């Protein structure tokens, strides 16, 4: 009986970890997409605004570890 319940708890812990990894992956994808569209917006902006927007984009990229 105790073996069964520990196996069940172990499985649930694995499930939770898997869901957390999936969520993290989705967040990175969203942030990456945001950084990409931000970059496109920066290209359409005026020179001064472009520099500011690019700085914000770089901050997003740094935050998610993408260059």
N, C-alpha and C. Protein backbone atom coordinates (compact mmCIF):
# COMPACT_ATOMS: atom_id res chain seq x y z
N UNK A 1 0.84 -1.20 0.00
CA UNK A 1 0.00 0.00 0.00
C UNK A 1 0.88 1.26 0.00
N UNK A 2 1.87 1.33 0.89
CA UNK A 2 2.70 2.53 0.96
C UNK A 2 3.52 2.71 -0.31
N UNK A 3 3.94 1.59 -0.91
CA UNK A 3 4.69 1.68 -2.16
C UNK A 3 3.84 2.34 -3.25
N UNK A 4 2.59 1.95 -3.29
CA UNK A 4 1.67 2.49 -4.28
C UNK A 4 1.46 4.00 -4.14
N UNK A 5 1.27 4.46 -2.89
CA UNK A 5 1.02 5.88 -2.68
C UNK A 5 2.27 6.71 -2.99
N UNK A 6 3.48 6.19 -2.68
CA UNK A 6 4.68 6.95 -2.99
C UNK A 6 4.90 7.01 -4.50
N UNK A 7 4.53 5.94 -5.19
CA UNK A 7 4.62 5.92 -6.65
C UNK A 7 3.68 6.96 -7.24
N UNK A 8 2.49 7.05 -6.68
CA UNK A 8 1.50 8.01 -7.13
C UNK A 8 1.98 9.44 -6.90
N UNK A 9 2.55 9.70 -5.72
CA UNK A 9 3.08 11.04 -5.42
C UNK A 9 4.21 11.39 -6.37
N UNK A 10 5.07 10.43 -6.65
CA UNK A 10 6.20 10.64 -7.55
C UNK A 10 5.68 11.00 -8.95
N UNK A 11 4.65 10.29 -9.40
CA UNK A 11 4.06 10.57 -10.70
C UNK A 11 3.47 11.97 -10.76
N UNK A 12 2.74 12.34 -9.69
CA UNK A 12 2.14 13.68 -9.64
C UNK A 12 3.22 14.77 -9.65
N UNK A 13 4.33 14.53 -8.95
CA UNK A 13 5.44 15.49 -8.95
C UNK A 13 6.00 15.64 -10.36
N UNK A 14 6.11 14.52 -11.06
CA UNK A 14 6.59 14.55 -12.45
C UNK A 14 5.65 15.31 -13.34
N UNK A 15 4.36 15.11 -13.15
CA UNK A 15 3.34 15.82 -13.92
C UNK A 15 3.46 17.34 -13.71
N UNK A 16 3.57 17.73 -12.45
CA UNK A 16 3.68 19.15 -12.11
C UNK A 16 4.92 19.76 -12.75
N UNK A 17 6.03 19.04 -12.66
CA UNK A 17 7.29 19.53 -13.26
C UNK A 17 7.13 19.69 -14.77
N UNK A 18 6.49 18.70 -15.40
CA UNK A 18 6.27 18.76 -16.84
C UNK A 18 5.42 19.96 -17.23
N UNK A 19 4.38 20.22 -16.45
CA UNK A 19 3.51 21.37 -16.73
C UNK A 19 4.26 22.67 -16.54
N UNK A 20 5.11 22.74 -15.52
CA UNK A 20 5.89 23.95 -15.27
C UNK A 20 6.86 24.19 -16.41
N UNK A 21 7.50 23.13 -16.90
CA UNK A 21 8.43 23.27 -18.02
C UNK A 21 7.70 23.73 -19.28
N UNK A 22 6.52 23.18 -19.50
CA UNK A 22 5.71 23.58 -20.67
C UNK A 22 5.32 25.05 -20.57
N UNK A 23 4.90 25.49 -19.38
CA UNK A 23 4.54 26.89 -19.17
C UNK A 23 5.74 27.80 -19.41
N UNK A 24 6.88 27.42 -18.89
CA UNK A 24 8.10 28.22 -19.05
C UNK A 24 8.45 28.32 -20.53
N UNK A 25 8.32 27.22 -21.23
CA UNK A 25 8.60 27.20 -22.66
C UNK A 25 7.67 28.14 -23.42
N UNK A 26 6.39 28.13 -23.06
CA UNK A 26 5.41 29.01 -23.70
C UNK A 26 5.73 30.48 -23.40
N UNK A 27 6.16 30.76 -22.16
CA UNK A 27 6.51 32.13 -21.79
C UNK A 27 7.70 32.62 -22.60
N UNK A 28 8.70 31.76 -22.77
CA UNK A 28 9.88 32.13 -23.56
C UNK A 28 9.47 32.40 -25.01
N UNK A 29 8.60 31.55 -25.56
CA UNK A 29 8.12 31.76 -26.93
C UNK A 29 7.39 33.10 -27.05
N UNK A 30 6.52 33.39 -26.09
CA UNK A 30 5.78 34.66 -26.11
C UNK A 30 6.73 35.84 -26.02
N UNK A 31 7.69 35.77 -25.12
CA UNK A 31 8.65 36.86 -24.95
C UNK A 31 9.49 37.03 -26.21
N UNK A 32 9.85 35.91 -26.81
CA UNK A 32 10.64 35.94 -28.04
C UNK A 32 9.84 36.60 -29.17
N UNK A 33 8.56 36.24 -29.28
CA UNK A 33 7.68 36.85 -30.29
C UNK A 33 7.53 38.35 -30.02
N UNK A 34 7.40 38.70 -28.75
CA UNK A 34 7.26 40.11 -28.39
C UNK A 34 8.52 40.87 -28.77
N UNK A 35 9.67 40.27 -28.51
CA UNK A 35 10.95 40.90 -28.85
C UNK A 35 11.05 41.08 -30.36
N UNK A 36 10.58 40.10 -31.11
CA UNK A 36 10.65 40.16 -32.57
C UNK A 36 9.74 41.25 -33.12
N UNK A 37 8.49 41.31 -32.65
CA UNK A 37 7.58 42.34 -33.15
C UNK A 37 8.03 43.72 -32.68
N UNK A 38 8.64 43.76 -31.51
CA UNK A 38 9.18 45.01 -30.99
C UNK A 38 10.29 45.50 -31.92
N UNK A 39 11.12 44.58 -32.38
CA UNK A 39 12.21 44.90 -33.29
C UNK A 39 11.64 45.48 -34.60
N UNK A 40 10.58 44.85 -35.11
CA UNK A 40 9.94 45.33 -36.35
C UNK A 40 9.36 46.72 -36.15
N UNK A 41 8.73 46.95 -35.01
CA UNK A 41 8.18 48.27 -34.71
C UNK A 41 9.29 49.31 -34.65
N UNK A 42 10.41 48.91 -34.07
CA UNK A 42 11.55 49.83 -33.95
C UNK A 42 12.04 50.24 -35.33
N UNK A 43 12.01 49.33 -36.28
CA UNK A 43 12.49 49.62 -37.63
C UNK A 43 11.58 50.63 -38.34
N UNK A 44 10.31 50.65 -37.95
CA UNK A 44 9.37 51.58 -38.57
C UNK A 44 9.37 52.95 -37.88
N UNK A 45 9.91 53.01 -36.68
CA UNK A 45 9.88 54.24 -35.90
C UNK A 45 10.95 55.22 -36.39
N UNK A 46 10.82 56.46 -35.94
CA UNK A 46 11.83 57.47 -36.26
C UNK A 46 13.15 57.14 -35.59
N UNK A 47 14.23 57.80 -36.03
CA UNK A 47 15.57 57.47 -35.56
C UNK A 47 15.72 57.52 -34.03
N UNK A 48 15.25 58.59 -33.42
CA UNK A 48 15.39 58.73 -31.97
C UNK A 48 14.54 57.70 -31.23
N UNK A 49 13.30 57.55 -31.69
CA UNK A 49 12.40 56.57 -31.07
C UNK A 49 12.95 55.16 -31.30
N UNK A 50 13.55 54.95 -32.44
CA UNK A 50 14.08 53.62 -32.77
C UNK A 50 15.14 53.21 -31.75
N UNK A 51 16.00 54.14 -31.40
CA UNK A 51 17.05 53.85 -30.43
C UNK A 51 16.44 53.46 -29.07
N UNK A 52 15.40 54.19 -28.66
CA UNK A 52 14.73 53.88 -27.38
C UNK A 52 14.04 52.52 -27.44
N UNK A 53 13.33 52.28 -28.53
CA UNK A 53 12.61 51.01 -28.68
C UNK A 53 13.59 49.85 -28.74
N UNK A 54 14.71 50.05 -29.42
CA UNK A 54 15.71 48.99 -29.53
C UNK A 54 16.28 48.65 -28.16
N UNK A 55 16.48 49.67 -27.34
CA UNK A 55 16.96 49.44 -25.97
C UNK A 55 15.97 48.58 -25.19
N UNK A 56 14.69 48.86 -25.36
CA UNK A 56 13.66 48.08 -24.68
C UNK A 56 13.65 46.65 -25.21
N UNK A 57 13.80 46.48 -26.50
CA UNK A 57 13.85 45.15 -27.09
C UNK A 57 15.03 44.36 -26.55
N UNK A 58 16.18 45.01 -26.47
CA UNK A 58 17.38 44.34 -25.95
C UNK A 58 17.18 43.92 -24.51
N UNK A 59 16.49 44.76 -23.74
CA UNK A 59 16.21 44.42 -22.34
C UNK A 59 15.34 43.16 -22.27
N UNK A 60 14.35 43.06 -23.16
CA UNK A 60 13.49 41.87 -23.20
C UNK A 60 14.33 40.65 -23.57
N UNK A 61 15.16 40.78 -24.59
CA UNK A 61 15.98 39.67 -25.03
C UNK A 61 16.94 39.23 -23.91
N UNK A 62 17.55 40.19 -23.23
CA UNK A 62 18.46 39.87 -22.12
C UNK A 62 17.70 39.12 -21.03
N UNK A 63 16.47 39.56 -20.76
CA UNK A 63 15.67 38.94 -19.71
C UNK A 63 15.37 37.48 -20.00
N UNK A 64 15.21 37.14 -21.28
CA UNK A 64 14.90 35.74 -21.61
C UNK A 64 16.13 34.99 -22.11
N UNK A 65 17.27 35.66 -22.16
CA UNK A 65 18.50 34.98 -22.54
C UNK A 65 18.65 34.73 -24.01
N UNK A 66 18.01 35.52 -24.85
CA UNK A 66 18.16 35.37 -26.31
C UNK A 66 18.88 36.57 -26.87
N UNK A 67 19.69 36.32 -27.87
CA UNK A 67 20.40 37.43 -28.53
C UNK A 67 20.04 37.44 -30.01
